[in-house]
PDB file of all heavy atoms in Angstrom:
ATOM      1  N   MET A   1      42.820  73.371  30.605  1.00  0.00           N
ATOM      2  CA  MET A   1      41.527  73.889  31.094  1.00  0.00           C
ATOM      3  C   MET A   1      41.739  74.676  32.408  1.00  0.00           C
ATOM      4  O   MET A   1      42.472  74.246  33.270  1.00  0.00           O
ATOM      5  CB  MET A   1      40.614  72.674  31.378  1.00  0.00           C
ATOM      6  CG  MET A   1      39.254  73.081  31.943  1.00  0.00           C
ATOM      7  SD  MET A   1      38.187  71.662  32.177  1.00  0.00           S
ATOM      8  CE  MET A   1      36.764  72.449  32.920  1.00  0.00           C
ATOM      9  N   PHE A   2      41.024  75.781  32.495  1.00  0.00           N
ATOM     10  CA  PHE A   2      41.183  76.635  33.655  1.00  0.00           C
ATOM     11  C   PHE A   2      40.493  75.970  34.867  1.00  0.00           C
ATOM     12  O   PHE A   2      39.430  75.411  34.738  1.00  0.00           O
ATOM     13  CB  PHE A   2      40.491  78.015  33.424  1.00  0.00           C
ATOM     14  CG  PHE A   2      40.488  78.881  34.616  1.00  0.00           C
ATOM     15  CD1 PHE A   2      41.598  79.661  34.941  1.00  0.00           C
ATOM     16  CD2 PHE A   2      39.350  78.945  35.427  1.00  0.00           C
ATOM     17  CE1 PHE A   2      41.559  80.465  36.058  1.00  0.00           C
ATOM     18  CE2 PHE A   2      39.358  79.742  36.563  1.00  0.00           C
ATOM     19  CZ  PHE A   2      40.446  80.490  36.841  1.00  0.00           C
ATOM     20  N   THR A   3      41.108  76.066  36.000  1.00  0.00           N
ATOM     21  CA  THR A   3      40.518  75.503  37.237  1.00  0.00           C
ATOM     22  C   THR A   3      40.565  76.554  38.326  1.00  0.00           C
ATOM     23  O   THR A   3      41.616  77.109  38.633  1.00  0.00           O
ATOM     24  CB  THR A   3      41.338  74.271  37.719  1.00  0.00           C
ATOM     25  OG1 THR A   3      41.327  73.319  36.693  1.00  0.00           O
ATOM     26  CG2 THR A   3      40.633  73.673  38.941  1.00  0.00           C
ATOM     27  N   GLY A   4      39.428  76.875  38.896  1.00  0.00           N
ATOM     28  CA  GLY A   4      39.356  77.853  39.986  1.00  0.00           C
ATOM     29  C   GLY A   4      38.473  77.330  41.072  1.00  0.00           C
ATOM     30  O   GLY A   4      37.821  76.291  40.978  1.00  0.00           O
ATOM     31  N   CYS A   5      38.368  78.034  42.180  1.00  0.00           N
ATOM     32  CA  CYS A   5      37.556  77.555  43.271  1.00  0.00           C
ATOM     33  C   CYS A   5      36.127  78.153  43.212  1.00  0.00           C
ATOM     34  O   CYS A   5      35.931  79.162  42.535  1.00  0.00           O
ATOM     35  CB  CYS A   5      38.199  77.890  44.599  1.00  0.00           C
ATOM     36  SG  CYS A   5      38.107  79.640  45.036  1.00  0.00           S
ATOM     37  N   ARG A   6      35.222  77.565  43.863  1.00  0.00           N
ATOM     38  CA  ARG A   6      33.838  77.973  43.804  1.00  0.00           C
ATOM     39  C   ARG A   6      33.657  79.360  44.490  1.00  0.00           C
ATOM     40  O   ARG A   6      32.776  80.163  44.124  1.00  0.00           O
ATOM     41  CB  ARG A   6      32.922  76.985  44.545  1.00  0.00           C
ATOM     42  CG  ARG A   6      32.943  75.611  43.883  1.00  0.00           C
ATOM     43  CD  ARG A   6      32.036  74.647  44.650  1.00  0.00           C
ATOM     44  NE  ARG A   6      32.161  73.282  44.157  1.00  0.00           N
ATOM     45  CZ  ARG A   6      31.498  72.818  43.065  1.00  0.00           C
ATOM     46  NH1 ARG A   6      30.642  73.636  42.413  1.00  0.00           N
ATOM     47  NH2 ARG A   6      31.656  71.590  42.646  1.00  0.00           N
ATOM     48  N   GLU A   7      34.513  79.675  45.476  1.00  0.00           N
ATOM     49  CA  GLU A   7      34.397  80.921  46.167  1.00  0.00           C
ATOM     50  C   GLU A   7      34.669  82.125  45.265  1.00  0.00           C
ATOM     51  O   GLU A   7      33.995  83.108  45.335  1.00  0.00           O
ATOM     52  CB  GLU A   7      35.342  80.954  47.347  1.00  0.00           C
ATOM     53  CG  GLU A   7      35.207  82.250  48.227  1.00  0.00           C
ATOM     54  CD  GLU A   7      36.182  82.212  49.407  1.00  0.00           C
ATOM     55  OE1 GLU A   7      36.928  81.232  49.512  1.00  0.00           O
ATOM     56  OE2 GLU A   7      36.129  83.212  50.151  1.00  0.00           O
ATOM     57  N   CYS A   8      35.674  81.946  44.374  1.00  0.00           N
ATOM     58  CA  CYS A   8      36.036  83.091  43.530  1.00  0.00           C
ATOM     59  C   CYS A   8      35.215  83.096  42.215  1.00  0.00           C
ATOM     60  O   CYS A   8      34.835  84.146  41.721  1.00  0.00           O
ATOM     61  CB  CYS A   8      37.518  83.026  43.172  1.00  0.00           C
ATOM     62  SG  CYS A   8      38.614  83.497  44.499  1.00  0.00           S
ATOM     63  N   HIS A   9      34.969  81.956  41.670  1.00  0.00           N
ATOM     64  CA  HIS A   9      34.393  81.886  40.315  1.00  0.00           C
ATOM     65  C   HIS A   9      32.985  81.264  40.258  1.00  0.00           C
ATOM     66  O   HIS A   9      32.436  81.136  39.199  1.00  0.00           O
ATOM     67  CB  HIS A   9      35.291  81.073  39.392  1.00  0.00           C
ATOM     68  CG  HIS A   9      36.698  81.588  39.410  1.00  0.00           C
ATOM     69  ND1 HIS A   9      37.045  82.860  38.939  1.00  0.00           N
ATOM     70  CD2 HIS A   9      37.877  81.046  39.816  1.00  0.00           C
ATOM     71  CE1 HIS A   9      38.345  83.058  39.097  1.00  0.00           C
ATOM     72  NE2 HIS A   9      38.891  81.970  39.638  1.00  0.00           N
ATOM     73  N   GLY A  10      32.470  80.860  41.388  1.00  0.00           N
ATOM     74  CA  GLY A  10      31.103  80.347  41.400  1.00  0.00           C
ATOM     75  C   GLY A  10      31.040  78.863  41.120  1.00  0.00           C
ATOM     76  O   GLY A  10      30.204  78.141  41.615  1.00  0.00           O
ATOM     77  N   GLU A  11      31.945  78.381  40.313  1.00  0.00           N
ATOM     78  CA  GLU A  11      31.984  76.976  39.999  1.00  0.00           C
ATOM     79  C   GLU A  11      33.370  76.608  39.441  1.00  0.00           C
ATOM     80  O   GLU A  11      34.111  77.485  39.057  1.00  0.00           O
ATOM     81  CB  GLU A  11      30.923  76.634  38.955  1.00  0.00           C
ATOM     82  CG  GLU A  11      31.103  77.363  37.616  1.00  0.00           C
ATOM     83  CD  GLU A  11      30.033  77.013  36.590  1.00  0.00           C
ATOM     84  OE1 GLU A  11      29.104  76.330  36.963  1.00  0.00           O
ATOM     85  OE2 GLU A  11      30.184  77.429  35.469  1.00  0.00           O
ATOM     86  N   VAL A  12      33.692  75.333  39.423  1.00  0.00           N
ATOM     87  CA  VAL A  12      34.987  74.908  38.871  1.00  0.00           C
ATOM     88  C   VAL A  12      34.841  74.972  37.369  1.00  0.00           C
ATOM     89  O   VAL A  12      33.881  74.490  36.775  1.00  0.00           O
ATOM     90  CB  VAL A  12      35.252  73.459  39.329  1.00  0.00           C
ATOM     91  CG1 VAL A  12      36.553  72.999  38.661  1.00  0.00           C
ATOM     92  CG2 VAL A  12      35.436  73.420  40.844  1.00  0.00           C
ATOM     93  N   GLY A  13      35.831  75.565  36.754  1.00  0.00           N
ATOM     94  CA  GLY A  13      35.823  75.695  35.289  1.00  0.00           C
ATOM     95  C   GLY A  13      36.129  77.120  34.904  1.00  0.00           C
ATOM     96  O   GLY A  13      36.545  77.933  35.728  1.00  0.00           O
ATOM     97  N   ARG A  14      35.836  77.469  33.667  1.00  0.00           N
ATOM     98  CA  ARG A  14      36.159  78.807  33.145  1.00  0.00           C
ATOM     99  C   ARG A  14      35.159  79.810  33.684  1.00  0.00           C
ATOM    100  O   ARG A  14      33.932  79.579  33.586  1.00  0.00           O
ATOM    101  CB  ARG A  14      36.143  78.781  31.632  1.00  0.00           C
ATOM    102  CG  ARG A  14      36.594  80.107  31.019  1.00  0.00           C
ATOM    103  CD  ARG A  14      36.579  79.975  29.494  1.00  0.00           C
ATOM    104  NE  ARG A  14      37.452  78.945  29.072  1.00  0.00           N
ATOM    105  CZ  ARG A  14      38.745  79.102  28.879  1.00  0.00           C
ATOM    106  NH1 ARG A  14      39.308  80.264  29.144  1.00  0.00           N
ATOM    107  NH2 ARG A  14      39.482  78.088  28.456  1.00  0.00           N
ATOM    108  N   PRO A  15      35.590  80.957  34.229  1.00  0.00           N
ATOM    109  CA  PRO A  15      34.642  81.932  34.724  1.00  0.00           C
ATOM    110  C   PRO A  15      33.898  82.615  33.605  1.00  0.00           C
ATOM    111  O   PRO A  15      34.317  82.539  32.439  1.00  0.00           O
ATOM    112  CB  PRO A  15      35.594  82.980  35.439  1.00  0.00           C
ATOM    113  CG  PRO A  15      36.892  82.818  34.772  1.00  0.00           C
ATOM    114  CD  PRO A  15      37.008  81.350  34.410  1.00  0.00           C
ATOM    115  N   PRO A  16      32.767  83.280  33.861  1.00  0.00           N
ATOM    116  CA  PRO A  16      31.960  83.911  32.806  1.00  0.00           C
ATOM    117  C   PRO A  16      32.774  84.915  32.026  1.00  0.00           C
ATOM    118  O   PRO A  16      33.648  85.565  32.544  1.00  0.00           O
ATOM    119  CB  PRO A  16      30.828  84.532  33.592  1.00  0.00           C
ATOM    120  CG  PRO A  16      30.757  83.838  34.906  1.00  0.00           C
ATOM    121  CD  PRO A  16      32.200  83.395  35.192  1.00  0.00           C
ATOM    122  N   ALA A  17      32.501  85.043  30.752  1.00  0.00           N
ATOM    123  CA  ALA A  17      33.204  86.021  29.905  1.00  0.00           C
ATOM    124  C   ALA A  17      32.963  87.432  30.423  1.00  0.00           C
ATOM    125  O   ALA A  17      31.834  87.808  30.809  1.00  0.00           O
ATOM    126  CB  ALA A  17      32.675  85.892  28.436  1.00  0.00           C
ATOM    127  N   GLY A  18      34.050  88.215  30.415  1.00  0.00           N
ATOM    128  CA  GLY A  18      33.953  89.615  30.836  1.00  0.00           C
ATOM    129  C   GLY A  18      34.106  89.777  32.327  1.00  0.00           C
ATOM    130  O   GLY A  18      34.182  90.909  32.782  1.00  0.00           O
ATOM    131  N   ARG A  19      34.086  88.729  33.122  1.00  0.00           N
ATOM    132  CA  ARG A  19      34.186  88.880  34.556  1.00  0.00           C
ATOM    133  C   ARG A  19      35.657  88.851  34.986  1.00  0.00           C
ATOM    134  O   ARG A  19      36.439  88.075  34.499  1.00  0.00           O
ATOM    135  CB  ARG A  19      33.471  87.732  35.246  1.00  0.00           C
ATOM    136  CG  ARG A  19      33.541  87.747  36.783  1.00  0.00           C
ATOM    137  CD  ARG A  19      32.750  86.609  37.359  1.00  0.00           C
ATOM    138  NE  ARG A  19      32.926  86.559  38.808  1.00  0.00           N
ATOM    139  CZ  ARG A  19      32.359  85.660  39.559  1.00  0.00           C
ATOM    140  NH1 ARG A  19      31.545  84.707  39.050  1.00  0.00           N
ATOM    141  NH2 ARG A  19      32.563  85.649  40.847  1.00  0.00           N
ATOM    142  N   HIS A  20      36.032  89.738  35.904  1.00  0.00           N
ATOM    143  CA  HIS A  20      37.394  89.776  36.394  1.00  0.00           C
ATOM    144  C   HIS A  20      37.705  88.446  37.105  1.00  0.00           C
ATOM    145  O   HIS A  20      36.951  88.025  37.935  1.00  0.00           O
ATOM    146  CB  HIS A  20      37.613  90.934  37.378  1.00  0.00           C
ATOM    147  CG  HIS A  20      37.718  92.244  36.665  1.00  0.00           C
ATOM    148  ND1 HIS A  20      38.738  92.625  35.846  1.00  0.00           N
ATOM    149  CD2 HIS A  20      36.859  93.293  36.659  1.00  0.00           C
ATOM    150  CE1 HIS A  20      38.578  93.808  35.389  1.00  0.00           C
ATOM    151  NE2 HIS A  20      37.407  94.259  35.838  1.00  0.00           N
ATOM    152  N   ARG A  21      38.827  87.852  36.799  1.00  0.00           N
ATOM    153  CA  ARG A  21      39.231  86.612  37.390  1.00  0.00           C
ATOM    154  C   ARG A  21      40.028  86.891  38.677  1.00  0.00           C
ATOM    155  O   ARG A  21      41.222  87.011  38.594  1.00  0.00           O
ATOM    156  CB  ARG A  21      40.017  85.742  36.416  1.00  0.00           C
ATOM    157  CG  ARG A  21      39.223  85.452  35.169  1.00  0.00           C
ATOM    158  CD  ARG A  21      40.075  84.649  34.166  1.00  0.00           C
ATOM    159  NE  ARG A  21      39.325  84.359  32.950  1.00  0.00           N
ATOM    160  CZ  ARG A  21      39.864  83.693  31.915  1.00  0.00           C
ATOM    161  NH1 ARG A  21      41.098  83.219  31.985  1.00  0.00           N
ATOM    162  NH2 ARG A  21      39.163  83.466  30.841  1.00  0.00           N
ATOM    163  N   GLU A  22      39.394  87.003  39.752  1.00  0.00           N
ATOM    164  CA  GLU A  22      40.067  87.262  41.007  1.00  0.00           C
ATOM    165  C   GLU A  22      40.723  85.954  41.481  1.00  0.00           C
ATOM    166  O   GLU A  22      40.065  84.999  41.771  1.00  0.00           O
ATOM    167  CB  GLU A  22      39.090  87.781  42.048  1.00  0.00           C
ATOM    168  CG  GLU A  22      38.474  89.084  41.694  1.00  0.00           C
ATOM    169  CD  GLU A  22      37.437  89.493  42.706  1.00  0.00           C
ATOM    170  OE1 GLU A  22      36.974  88.643  43.454  1.00  0.00           O
ATOM    171  OE2 GLU A  22      37.091  90.675  42.683  1.00  0.00           O
ATOM    172  N   PHE A  23      42.035  85.953  41.508  1.00  0.00           N
ATOM    173  CA  PHE A  23      42.717  84.675  41.755  1.00  0.00           C
ATOM    174  C   PHE A  23      42.555  84.153  43.154  1.00  0.00           C
ATOM    175  O   PHE A  23      42.512  84.908  44.135  1.00  0.00           O
ATOM    176  CB  PHE A  23      44.213  84.951  41.478  1.00  0.00           C
ATOM    177  CG  PHE A  23      45.054  83.700  41.632  1.00  0.00           C
ATOM    178  CD1 PHE A  23      44.682  82.566  40.953  1.00  0.00           C
ATOM    179  CD2 PHE A  23      46.146  83.707  42.420  1.00  0.00           C
ATOM    180  CE1 PHE A  23      45.454  81.431  41.111  1.00  0.00           C
ATOM    181  CE2 PHE A  23      46.914  82.569  42.562  1.00  0.00           C
ATOM    182  CZ  PHE A  23      46.551  81.435  41.913  1.00  0.00           C
ATOM    183  N   CYS A  24      42.377  82.861  43.262  1.00  0.00           N
ATOM    184  CA  CYS A  24      42.033  82.260  44.543  1.00  0.00           C
ATOM    185  C   CYS A  24      43.107  81.371  45.128  1.00  0.00           C
ATOM    186  O   CYS A  24      42.915  80.706  46.122  1.00  0.00           O
ATOM    187  CB  CYS A  24      40.779  81.372  44.349  1.00  0.00           C
ATOM    188  SG  CYS A  24      41.003  80.148  43.067  1.00  0.00           S
ATOM    189  N   GLY A  25      44.310  81.341  44.491  1.00  0.00           N
ATOM    190  CA  GLY A  25      45.395  80.553  45.001  1.00  0.00           C
ATOM    191  C   GLY A  25      45.637  79.292  44.232  1.00  0.00           C
ATOM    192  O   GLY A  25      46.527  78.527  44.542  1.00  0.00           O
ATOM    193  N   VAL A  26      44.836  79.030  43.181  1.00  0.00           N
ATOM    194  CA  VAL A  26      44.976  77.850  42.386  1.00  0.00           C
ATOM    195  C   VAL A  26      45.795  78.188  41.136  1.00  0.00           C
ATOM    196  O   VAL A  26      45.490  79.200  40.454  1.00  0.00           O
ATOM    197  CB  VAL A  26      43.617  77.271  41.961  1.00  0.00           C
ATOM    198  CG1 VAL A  26      43.799  76.005  41.135  1.00  0.00           C
ATOM    199  CG2 VAL A  26      42.768  76.994  43.192  1.00  0.00           C
ATOM    200  N   SER A  27      46.817  77.434  40.829  1.00  0.00           N
ATOM    201  CA  SER A  27      47.628  77.742  39.636  1.00  0.00           C
ATOM    202  C   SER A  27      46.813  77.496  38.384  1.00  0.00           C
ATOM    203  O   SER A  27      45.925  76.665  38.374  1.00  0.00           O
ATOM    204  CB  SER A  27      48.904  76.853  39.632  1.00  0.00           C
ATOM    205  OG  SER A  27      48.545  75.494  39.588  1.00  0.00           O
ATOM    206  N   CYS A  28      47.109  78.245  37.316  1.00  0.00           N
ATOM    207  CA  CYS A  28      46.351  78.073  36.113  1.00  0.00           C
ATOM    208  C   CYS A  28      47.272  78.400  34.923  1.00  0.00           C
ATOM    209  O   CYS A  28      48.423  78.799  35.118  1.00  0.00           O
ATOM    210  CB  CYS A  28      45.173  78.982  36.074  1.00  0.00           C
ATOM    211  SG  CYS A  28      45.598  80.743  35.885  1.00  0.00           S
ATOM    212  N   ARG A  29      46.774  78.237  33.716  1.00  0.00           N
ATOM    213  CA  ARG A  29      47.601  78.387  32.560  1.00  0.00           C
ATOM    214  C   ARG A  29      48.049  79.837  32.324  1.00  0.00           C
ATOM    215  O   ARG A  29      48.962  80.108  31.567  1.00  0.00           O
ATOM    216  CB  ARG A  29      46.838  77.877  31.297  1.00  0.00           C
ATOM    217  CG  ARG A  29      45.656  78.757  30.939  1.00  0.00           C
ATOM    218  CD  ARG A  29      44.981  78.168  29.697  1.00  0.00           C
ATOM    219  NE  ARG A  29      43.837  78.972  29.304  1.00  0.00           N
ATOM    220  CZ  ARG A  29      43.088  78.690  28.240  1.00  0.00           C
ATOM    221  NH1 ARG A  29      43.370  77.660  27.498  1.00  0.00           N
ATOM    222  NH2 ARG A  29      42.087  79.520  27.895  1.00  0.00           N
ATOM    223  N   ASN A  30      47.372  80.812  32.951  1.00  0.00           N
ATOM    224  CA  ASN A  30      47.725  82.187  32.807  1.00  0.00           C
ATOM    225  C   ASN A  30      48.857  82.597  33.705  1.00  0.00           C
ATOM    226  O   ASN A  30      49.216  83.787  33.769  1.00  0.00           O
ATOM    227  CB  ASN A  30      46.501  83.070  33.047  1.00  0.00           C
ATOM    228  CG  ASN A  30      45.503  82.945  31.940  1.00  0.00           C
ATOM    229  OD1 ASN A  30      45.865  82.868  30.770  1.00  0.00           O
ATOM    230  ND2 ASN A  30      44.211  82.911  32.282  1.00  0.00           N
ATOM    231  N   ARG A  31      49.353  81.686  34.506  1.00  0.00           N
ATOM    232  CA  ARG A  31      50.538  81.940  35.377  1.00  0.00           C
ATOM    233  C   ARG A  31      50.261  83.091  36.356  1.00  0.00           C
ATOM    234  O   ARG A  31      51.088  83.963  36.603  1.00  0.00           O
ATOM    235  CB  ARG A  31      51.775  82.254  34.564  1.00  0.00           C
ATOM    236  CG  ARG A  31      52.218  81.146  33.658  1.00  0.00           C
ATOM    237  CD  ARG A  31      53.577  81.473  33.052  1.00  0.00           C
ATOM    238  NE  ARG A  31      53.506  82.721  32.293  1.00  0.00           N
ATOM    239  CZ  ARG A  31      54.552  83.316  31.777  1.00  0.00           C
ATOM    240  NH1 ARG A  31      55.744  82.819  31.968  1.00  0.00           N
ATOM    241  NH2 ARG A  31      54.425  84.476  31.102  1.00  0.00           N
ATOM    242  N   TRP A  32      49.064  83.112  36.928  1.00  0.00           N
ATOM    243  CA  TRP A  32      48.762  84.142  37.937  1.00  0.00           C
ATOM    244  C   TRP A  32      49.649  83.895  39.150  1.00  0.00           C
ATOM    245  O   TRP A  32      49.964  82.813  39.492  1.00  0.00           O
ATOM    246  CB  TRP A  32      47.296  84.110  38.327  1.00  0.00           C
ATOM    247  CG  TRP A  32      46.423  84.549  37.184  1.00  0.00           C
ATOM    248  CD1 TRP A  32      46.759  85.173  36.055  1.00  0.00           C
ATOM    249  CD2 TRP A  32      44.996  84.307  37.097  1.00  0.00           C
ATOM    250  NE1 TRP A  32      45.678  85.410  35.278  1.00  0.00           N
ATOM    251  CE2 TRP A  32      44.616  84.887  35.886  1.00  0.00           C
ATOM    252  CE3 TRP A  32      44.044  83.699  37.901  1.00  0.00           C
ATOM    253  CZ2 TRP A  32      43.263  84.872  35.463  1.00  0.00           C
ATOM    254  CZ3 TRP A  32      42.745  83.691  37.474  1.00  0.00           C
ATOM    255  CH2 TRP A  32      42.386  84.243  36.271  1.00  0.00           C
TER     256      TRP A  32
END
């Protein structure tokens, strides 16, 4: 499951479809 910060993605979880995923420093399955 994708995990991001509220600052970048608005909430913890998967960002909205079609929105650029601006990386916030949290590791994820996409190996950003």
